[in-house]
Amino acid sequence: MTKKKPMKIEFAPGAFDSFEGTQEELDAFIAELHRMAESGELEEQSVSLNSDQAWLALSEEEQAMISAAITKPGETRH
């Protein structure tokens, strides 16, 4: 049986610039993300956005936040 490689989490510079909370809350949030990645829980609870149906199920605000995070200035999502 092949053991699955643990998920690695990397945060882009500025990823938490809009986080509204204390440094302690941010540290706890990041620690929880790492815990979930190590346990496999993060992948189990993830939702693929590879289909138009999944994308359209998001609110306009969620779509805008994701688009802003993954596009370069001047680009738009198709």
PDB file of N, CA and C in Angstrom:
ATOM      1  N   MET A   1       0.844  -1.185   0.000  1.00  0.00           N
ATOM      2  CA  MET A   1       0.000   0.000   0.000  1.00  0.00           C
ATOM      3  C   MET A   1       0.890   1.249   0.000  1.00  0.00           C
ATOM      4  N   THR A   2       0.612   2.170  -0.892  1.00  0.00           N
ATOM      5  CA  THR A   2       1.395   3.388  -1.011  1.00  0.00           C
ATOM      6  C   THR A   2       0.860   4.440  -0.056  1.00  0.00           C
ATOM      7  N   LYS A   3       1.773   5.025   0.705  1.00  0.00           N
ATOM      8  CA  LYS A   3       1.380   6.082   1.629  1.00  0.00           C
ATOM      9  C   LYS A   3       1.310   7.406   0.871  1.00  0.00           C
ATOM     10  N   LYS A   4       0.213   8.124   1.057  1.00  0.00           N
ATOM     11  CA  LYS A   4       0.009   9.394   0.366  1.00  0.00           C
ATOM     12  C   LYS A   4       0.891  10.471   0.990  1.00  0.00           C
ATOM     13  N   LYS A   5       1.517  11.277   0.136  1.00  0.00           N
ATOM     14  CA  LYS A   5       2.370  12.364   0.594  1.00  0.00           C
ATOM     15  C   LYS A   5       1.508  13.440   1.246  1.00  0.00           C
ATOM     16  N   PRO A   6       1.929  13.937   2.419  1.00  0.00           N
ATOM     17  CA  PRO A   6       1.130  14.971   3.091  1.00  0.00           C
ATOM     18  C   PRO A   6       1.044  16.256   2.256  1.00  0.00           C
ATOM     19  N   MET A   7      -0.072  16.930   2.376  1.00  0.00           N
ATOM     20  CA  MET A   7      -0.283  18.193   1.670  1.00  0.00           C
ATOM     21  C   MET A   7       0.635  19.256   2.271  1.00  0.00           C
ATOM     22  N   LYS A   8       1.214  20.065   1.415  1.00  0.00           N
ATOM     23  CA  LYS A   8       2.061  21.166   1.857  1.00  0.00           C
ATOM     24  C   LYS A   8       1.302  22.474   1.629  1.00  0.00           C
ATOM     25  N   ILE A   9       1.318  23.330   2.617  1.00  0.00           N
ATOM     26  CA  ILE A   9       0.629  24.616   2.508  1.00  0.00           C
ATOM     27  C   ILE A   9       1.673  25.720   2.420  1.00  0.00           C
ATOM     28  N   GLU A  10       1.503  26.589   1.434  1.00  0.00           N
ATOM     29  CA  GLU A  10       2.351  27.764   1.292  1.00  0.00           C
ATOM     30  C   GLU A  10       1.437  28.980   1.162  1.00  0.00           C
ATOM     31  N   PHE A  11       1.788  30.048   1.848  1.00  0.00           N
ATOM     32  CA  PHE A  11       0.991  31.267   1.805  1.00  0.00           C
ATOM     33  C   PHE A  11       1.741  32.328   1.005  1.00  0.00           C
ATOM     34  N   ALA A  12       1.054  32.915   0.056  1.00  0.00           N
ATOM     35  CA  ALA A  12       1.645  33.978  -0.757  1.00  0.00           C
ATOM     36  C   ALA A  12       1.867  35.216   0.095  1.00  0.00           C
ATOM     37  N   PRO A  13       2.892  36.002  -0.239  1.00  0.00           N
ATOM     38  CA  PRO A  13       3.090  37.257   0.476  1.00  0.00           C
ATOM     39  C   PRO A  13       1.811  38.099   0.424  1.00  0.00           C
ATOM     40  N   GLY A  14       1.411  38.599   1.542  1.00  0.00           N
ATOM     41  CA  GLY A  14       0.214  39.428   1.622  1.00  0.00           C
ATOM     42  C   GLY A  14      -1.080  38.650   1.731  1.00  0.00           C
ATOM     43  N   ALA A  15      -0.993  37.327   1.836  1.00  0.00           N
ATOM     44  CA  ALA A  15      -2.202  36.492   1.869  1.00  0.00           C
ATOM     45  C   ALA A  15      -3.138  36.858   3.013  1.00  0.00           C
ATOM     46  N   PHE A  16      -2.593  37.367   4.083  1.00  0.00           N
ATOM     47  CA  PHE A  16      -3.429  37.684   5.240  1.00  0.00           C
ATOM     48  C   PHE A  16      -3.502  39.186   5.514  1.00  0.00           C
ATOM     49  N   ASP A  17      -3.200  39.981   4.508  1.00  0.00           N
ATOM     50  CA  ASP A  17      -3.250  41.437   4.686  1.00  0.00           C
ATOM     51  C   ASP A  17      -4.621  41.929   5.105  1.00  0.00           C
ATOM     52  N   SER A  18      -5.665  41.262   4.656  1.00  0.00           N
ATOM     53  CA  SER A  18      -7.018  41.722   4.998  1.00  0.00           C
ATOM     54  C   SER A  18      -7.599  40.960   6.188  1.00  0.00           C
ATOM     55  N   PHE A  19      -6.782  40.138   6.864  1.00  0.00           N
ATOM     56  CA  PHE A  19      -7.249  39.403   8.037  1.00  0.00           C
ATOM     57  C   PHE A  19      -7.602  40.388   9.136  1.00  0.00           C
ATOM     58  N   GLU A  20      -8.800  40.238   9.665  1.00  0.00           N
ATOM     59  CA  GLU A  20      -9.254  41.126  10.741  1.00  0.00           C
ATOM     60  C   GLU A  20      -9.265  40.340  12.034  1.00  0.00           C
ATOM     61  N   GLY A  21      -8.217  40.450  12.787  1.00  0.00           N
ATOM     62  CA  GLY A  21      -8.091  39.740  14.053  1.00  0.00           C
ATOM     63  C   GLY A  21      -6.731  40.011  14.644  1.00  0.00           C
ATOM     64  N   THR A  22      -6.485  39.393  15.782  1.00  0.00           N
ATOM     65  CA  THR A  22      -5.202  39.582  16.460  1.00  0.00           C
ATOM     66  C   THR A  22      -4.156  38.654  15.860  1.00  0.00           C
ATOM     67  N   GLN A  23      -2.914  38.924  16.177  1.00  0.00           N
ATOM     68  CA  GLN A  23      -1.825  38.049  15.723  1.00  0.00           C
ATOM     69  C   GLN A  23      -2.016  36.647  16.294  1.00  0.00           C
ATOM     70  N   GLU A  24      -2.498  36.558  17.533  1.00  0.00           N
ATOM     71  CA  GLU A  24      -2.736  35.257  18.157  1.00  0.00           C
ATOM     72  C   GLU A  24      -3.823  34.482  17.413  1.00  0.00           C
ATOM     73  N   GLU A  25      -4.869  35.172  16.973  1.00  0.00           N
ATOM     74  CA  GLU A  25      -5.935  34.524  16.201  1.00  0.00           C
ATOM     75  C   GLU A  25      -5.418  34.051  14.849  1.00  0.00           C
ATOM     76  N   LEU A  26      -4.587  34.860  14.218  1.00  0.00           N
ATOM     77  CA  LEU A  26      -4.003  34.473  12.936  1.00  0.00           C
ATOM     78  C   LEU A  26      -3.085  33.260  13.104  1.00  0.00           C
ATOM     79  N   ASP A  27      -2.272  33.276  14.147  1.00  0.00           N
ATOM     80  CA  ASP A  27      -1.385  32.144  14.414  1.00  0.00           C
ATOM     81  C   ASP A  27      -2.185  30.867  14.644  1.00  0.00           C
ATOM     82  N   ALA A  28      -3.296  30.958  15.381  1.00  0.00           N
ATOM     83  CA  ALA A  28      -4.149  29.800  15.651  1.00  0.00           C
ATOM     84  C   ALA A  28      -4.801  29.310  14.356  1.00  0.00           C
ATOM     85  N   PHE A  29      -5.228  30.227  13.507  1.00  0.00           N
ATOM     86  CA  PHE A  29      -5.848  29.880  12.227  1.00  0.00           C
ATOM     87  C   PHE A  29      -4.850  29.125  11.342  1.00  0.00           C
ATOM     88  N   ILE A  30      -3.640  29.646  11.247  1.00  0.00           N
ATOM     89  CA  ILE A  30      -2.608  29.006  10.435  1.00  0.00           C
ATOM     90  C   ILE A  30      -2.255  27.635  10.997  1.00  0.00           C
ATOM     91  N   ALA A  31      -2.154  27.529  12.313  1.00  0.00           N
ATOM     92  CA  ALA A  31      -1.856  26.238  12.945  1.00  0.00           C
ATOM     93  C   ALA A  31      -2.966  25.231  12.644  1.00  0.00           C
ATOM     94  N   GLU A  32      -4.212  25.677  12.651  1.00  0.00           N
ATOM     95  CA  GLU A  32      -5.340  24.792  12.353  1.00  0.00           C
ATOM     96  C   GLU A  32      -5.300  24.333  10.892  1.00  0.00           C
ATOM     97  N   LEU A  33      -4.954  25.214   9.981  1.00  0.00           N
ATOM     98  CA  LEU A  33      -4.818  24.826   8.574  1.00  0.00           C
ATOM     99  C   LEU A  33      -3.731  23.759   8.407  1.00  0.00           C
ATOM    100  N   HIS A  34      -2.606  23.945   9.074  1.00  0.00           N
ATOM    101  CA  HIS A  34      -1.528  22.957   9.002  1.00  0.00           C
ATOM    102  C   HIS A  34      -1.966  21.631   9.616  1.00  0.00           C
ATOM    103  N   ARG A  35      -2.684  21.672  10.733  1.00  0.00           N
ATOM    104  CA  ARG A  35      -3.180  20.453  11.365  1.00  0.00           C
ATOM    105  C   ARG A  35      -4.113  19.705  10.428  1.00  0.00           C
ATOM    106  N   MET A  36      -5.032  20.451   9.795  1.00  0.00           N
ATOM    107  CA  MET A  36      -5.983  19.850   8.868  1.00  0.00           C
ATOM    108  C   MET A  36      -5.274  19.260   7.651  1.00  0.00           C
ATOM    109  N   ALA A  37      -4.226  19.916   7.172  1.00  0.00           N
ATOM    110  CA  ALA A  37      -3.471  19.398   6.032  1.00  0.00           C
ATOM    111  C   ALA A  37      -2.775  18.092   6.406  1.00  0.00           C
ATOM    112  N   GLU A  38      -2.175  18.059   7.580  1.00  0.00           N
ATOM    113  CA  GLU A  38      -1.456  16.861   8.027  1.00  0.00           C
ATOM    114  C   GLU A  38      -2.395  15.680   8.253  1.00  0.00           C
ATOM    115  N   SER A  39      -3.604  15.944   8.752  1.00  0.00           N
ATOM    116  CA  SER A  39      -4.548  14.864   9.050  1.00  0.00           C
ATOM    117  C   SER A  39      -5.314  14.388   7.812  1.00  0.00           C
ATOM    118  N   GLY A  40      -5.267  15.186   6.739  1.00  0.00           N
ATOM    119  CA  GLY A  40      -6.029  14.855   5.542  1.00  0.00           C
ATOM    120  C   GLY A  40      -7.412  15.486   5.535  1.00  0.00           C
ATOM    121  N   GLU A  41      -7.769  16.104   6.628  1.00  0.00           N
ATOM    122  CA  GLU A  41      -9.087  16.728   6.767  1.00  0.00           C
ATOM    123  C   GLU A  41      -9.286  17.878   5.780  1.00  0.00           C
ATOM    124  N   LEU A  42      -8.237  18.627   5.519  1.00  0.00           N
ATOM    125  CA  LEU A  42      -8.346  19.765   4.601  1.00  0.00           C
ATOM    126  C   LEU A  42      -8.727  19.295   3.201  1.00  0.00           C
ATOM    127  N   GLU A  43      -8.068  18.243   2.734  1.00  0.00           N
ATOM    128  CA  GLU A  43      -8.380  17.704   1.410  1.00  0.00           C
ATOM    129  C   GLU A  43      -9.774  17.078   1.386  1.00  0.00           C
ATOM    130  N   GLU A  44     -10.151  16.382   2.456  1.00  0.00           N
ATOM    131  CA  GLU A  44     -11.467  15.750   2.525  1.00  0.00           C
ATOM    132  C   GLU A  44     -12.589  16.774   2.445  1.00  0.00           C
ATOM    133  N   GLN A  45     -12.368  17.960   3.002  1.00  0.00           N
ATOM    134  CA  GLN A  45     -13.408  18.988   3.040  1.00  0.00           C
ATOM    135  C   GLN A  45     -13.312  19.972   1.877  1.00  0.00           C
ATOM    136  N   SER A  46     -12.337  19.794   1.002  1.00  0.00           N
ATOM    137  CA  SER A  46     -12.159  20.735  -0.097  1.00  0.00           C
ATOM    138  C   SER A  46     -13.233  20.544  -1.171  1.00  0.00           C
ATOM    139  N   VAL A  47     -13.439  21.596  -1.945  1.00  0.00           N
ATOM    140  CA  VAL A  47     -14.403  21.580  -3.040  1.00  0.00           C
ATOM    141  C   VAL A  47     -13.678  22.059  -4.294  1.00  0.00           C
ATOM    142  N   SER A  48     -13.728  21.266  -5.343  1.00  0.00           N
ATOM    143  CA  SER A  48     -13.079  21.630  -6.592  1.00  0.00           C
ATOM    144  C   SER A  48     -13.872  22.728  -7.294  1.00  0.00           C
ATOM    145  N   LEU A  49     -13.168  23.693  -7.831  1.00  0.00           N
ATOM    146  CA  LEU A  49     -13.807  24.772  -8.597  1.00  0.00           C
ATOM    147  C   LEU A  49     -13.480  24.624 -10.078  1.00  0.00           C
ATOM    148  N   ASN A  50     -13.245  23.388 -10.509  1.00  0.00           N
ATOM    149  CA  ASN A  50     -12.883  23.126 -11.900  1.00  0.00           C
ATOM    150  C   ASN A  50     -14.071  23.124 -12.847  1.00  0.00           C
ATOM    151  N   SER A  51     -15.274  23.273 -12.358  1.00  0.00           N
ATOM    152  CA  SER A  51     -16.437  23.291 -13.242  1.00  0.00           C
ATOM    153  C   SER A  51     -17.161  24.628 -13.126  1.00  0.00           C
ATOM    154  N   ASP A  52     -17.830  25.010 -14.206  1.00  0.00           N
ATOM    155  CA  ASP A  52     -18.603  26.252 -14.176  1.00  0.00           C
ATOM    156  C   ASP A  52     -19.698  26.185 -13.119  1.00  0.00           C
ATOM    157  N   GLN A  53     -20.282  25.006 -12.943  1.00  0.00           N
ATOM    158  CA  GLN A  53     -21.361  24.845 -11.961  1.00  0.00           C
ATOM    159  C   GLN A  53     -20.857  25.164 -10.553  1.00  0.00           C
ATOM    160  N   ALA A  54     -19.674  24.660 -10.212  1.00  0.00           N
ATOM    161  CA  ALA A  54     -19.110  24.928  -8.889  1.00  0.00           C
ATOM    162  C   ALA A  54     -18.793  26.409  -8.737  1.00  0.00           C
ATOM    163  N   TRP A  55     -18.242  27.007  -9.790  1.00  0.00           N
ATOM    164  CA  TRP A  55     -17.899  28.431  -9.743  1.00  0.00           C
ATOM    165  C   TRP A  55     -19.159  29.277  -9.569  1.00  0.00           C
ATOM    166  N   LEU A  56     -20.204  28.977 -10.319  1.00  0.00           N
ATOM    167  CA  LEU A  56     -21.435  29.757 -10.262  1.00  0.00           C
ATOM    168  C   LEU A  56     -22.198  29.562  -8.953  1.00  0.00           C
ATOM    169  N   ALA A  57     -21.889  28.489  -8.230  1.00  0.00           N
ATOM    170  CA  ALA A  57     -22.536  28.255  -6.939  1.00  0.00           C
ATOM    171  C   ALA A  57     -21.992  29.202  -5.862  1.00  0.00           C
ATOM    172  N   LEU A  58     -20.845  29.822  -6.131  1.00  0.00           N
ATOM    173  CA  LEU A  58     -20.272  30.779  -5.190  1.00  0.00           C
ATOM    174  C   LEU A  58     -20.992  32.117  -5.308  1.00  0.00           C
ATOM    175  N   SER A  59     -20.976  32.875  -4.221  1.00  0.00           N
ATOM    176  CA  SER A  59     -21.551  34.220  -4.271  1.00  0.00           C
ATOM    177  C   SER A  59     -20.638  35.118  -5.103  1.00  0.00           C
ATOM    178  N   GLU A  60     -21.168  36.243  -5.551  1.00  0.00           N
ATOM    179  CA  GLU A  60     -20.359  37.189  -6.329  1.00  0.00           C
ATOM    180  C   GLU A  60     -19.168  37.669  -5.508  1.00  0.00           C
ATOM    181  N   GLU A  61     -19.360  37.855  -4.216  1.00  0.00           N
ATOM    182  CA  GLU A  61     -18.275  38.297  -3.339  1.00  0.00           C
ATOM    183  C   GLU A  61     -17.171  37.234  -3.272  1.00  0.00           C
ATOM    184  N   GLU A  62     -17.565  35.960  -3.138  1.00  0.00           N
ATOM    185  CA  GLU A  62     -16.577  34.881  -3.102  1.00  0.00           C
ATOM    186  C   GLU A  62     -15.832  34.780  -4.426  1.00  0.00           C
ATOM    187  N   GLN A  63     -16.555  34.904  -5.537  1.00  0.00           N
ATOM    188  CA  GLN A  63     -15.910  34.866  -6.850  1.00  0.00           C
ATOM    189  C   GLN A  63     -14.903  36.003  -6.992  1.00  0.00           C
ATOM    190  N   ALA A  64     -15.277  37.191  -6.554  1.00  0.00           N
ATOM    191  CA  ALA A  64     -14.397  38.353  -6.653  1.00  0.00           C
ATOM    192  C   ALA A  64     -13.143  38.162  -5.798  1.00  0.00           C
ATOM    193  N   MET A  65     -13.309  37.627  -4.602  1.00  0.00           N
ATOM    194  CA  MET A  65     -12.161  37.406  -3.719  1.00  0.00           C
ATOM    195  C   MET A  65     -11.195  36.387  -4.316  1.00  0.00           C
ATOM    196  N   ILE A  66     -11.727  35.305  -4.845  1.00  0.00           N
ATOM    197  CA  ILE A  66     -10.884  34.268  -5.435  1.00  0.00           C
ATOM    198  C   ILE A  66     -10.196  34.800  -6.687  1.00  0.00           C
ATOM    199  N   SER A  67     -10.958  35.490  -7.530  1.00  0.00           N
ATOM    200  CA  SER A  67     -10.376  36.046  -8.755  1.00  0.00           C
ATOM    201  C   SER A  67      -9.252  37.016  -8.443  1.00  0.00           C
ATOM    202  N   ALA A  68      -9.459  37.864  -7.450  1.00  0.00           N
ATOM    203  CA  ALA A  68      -8.432  38.831  -7.077  1.00  0.00           C
ATOM    204  C   ALA A  68      -7.183  38.128  -6.555  1.00  0.00           C
ATOM    205  N   ALA A  69      -7.363  37.003  -5.896  1.00  0.00           N
ATOM    206  CA  ALA A  69      -6.225  36.282  -5.318  1.00  0.00           C
ATOM    207  C   ALA A  69      -5.416  35.517  -6.364  1.00  0.00           C
ATOM    208  N   ILE A  70      -6.051  35.133  -7.476  1.00  0.00           N
ATOM    209  CA  ILE A  70      -5.346  34.279  -8.437  1.00  0.00           C
ATOM    210  C   ILE A  70      -5.026  34.955  -9.760  1.00  0.00           C
ATOM    211  N   THR A  71      -5.411  36.202  -9.935  1.00  0.00           N
ATOM    212  CA  THR A  71      -5.107  36.879 -11.192  1.00  0.00           C
ATOM    213  C   THR A  71      -4.108  38.005 -10.955  1.00  0.00           C
ATOM    214  N   LYS A  72      -3.385  38.302 -11.999  1.00  0.00           N
ATOM    215  CA  LYS A  72      -2.427  39.410 -11.957  1.00  0.00           C
ATOM    216  C   LYS A  72      -3.198  40.694 -12.254  1.00  0.00           C
ATOM    217  N   PRO A  73      -2.706  41.828 -11.796  1.00  0.00           N
ATOM    218  CA  PRO A  73      -3.371  43.092 -12.105  1.00  0.00           C
ATOM    219  C   PRO A  73      -3.584  43.250 -13.603  1.00  0.00           C
ATOM    220  N   GLY A  74      -4.782  43.605 -14.009  1.00  0.00           N
ATOM    221  CA  GLY A  74      -5.111  43.800 -15.414  1.00  0.00           C
ATOM    222  C   GLY A  74      -5.686  42.574 -16.087  1.00  0.00           C
ATOM    223  N   GLU A  75      -5.546  41.385 -15.478  1.00  0.00           N
ATOM    224  CA  GLU A  75      -6.124  40.164 -16.024  1.00  0.00           C
ATOM    225  C   GLU A  75      -7.555  39.996 -15.518  1.00  0.00           C
ATOM    226  N   THR A  76      -8.340  39.238 -16.251  1.00  0.00           N
ATOM    227  CA  THR A  76      -9.683  38.889 -15.794  1.00  0.00           C
ATOM    228  C   THR A  76      -9.869  37.384 -15.920  1.00  0.00           C
ATOM    229  N   ARG A  77     -10.757  36.821 -15.111  1.00  0.00           N
ATOM    230  CA  ARG A  77     -11.046  35.376 -15.166  1.00  0.00           C
ATOM    231  C   ARG A  77     -12.066  35.135 -16.245  1.00  0.00           C
ATOM    232  N   HIS A  78     -11.890  34.088 -17.021  1.00  0.00           N
ATOM    233  CA  HIS A  78     -12.831  33.726 -18.085  1.00  0.00           C
ATOM    234  C   HIS A  78     -13.647  32.560 -17.647  1.00  0.00           C
TER     235      HIS A  78
END
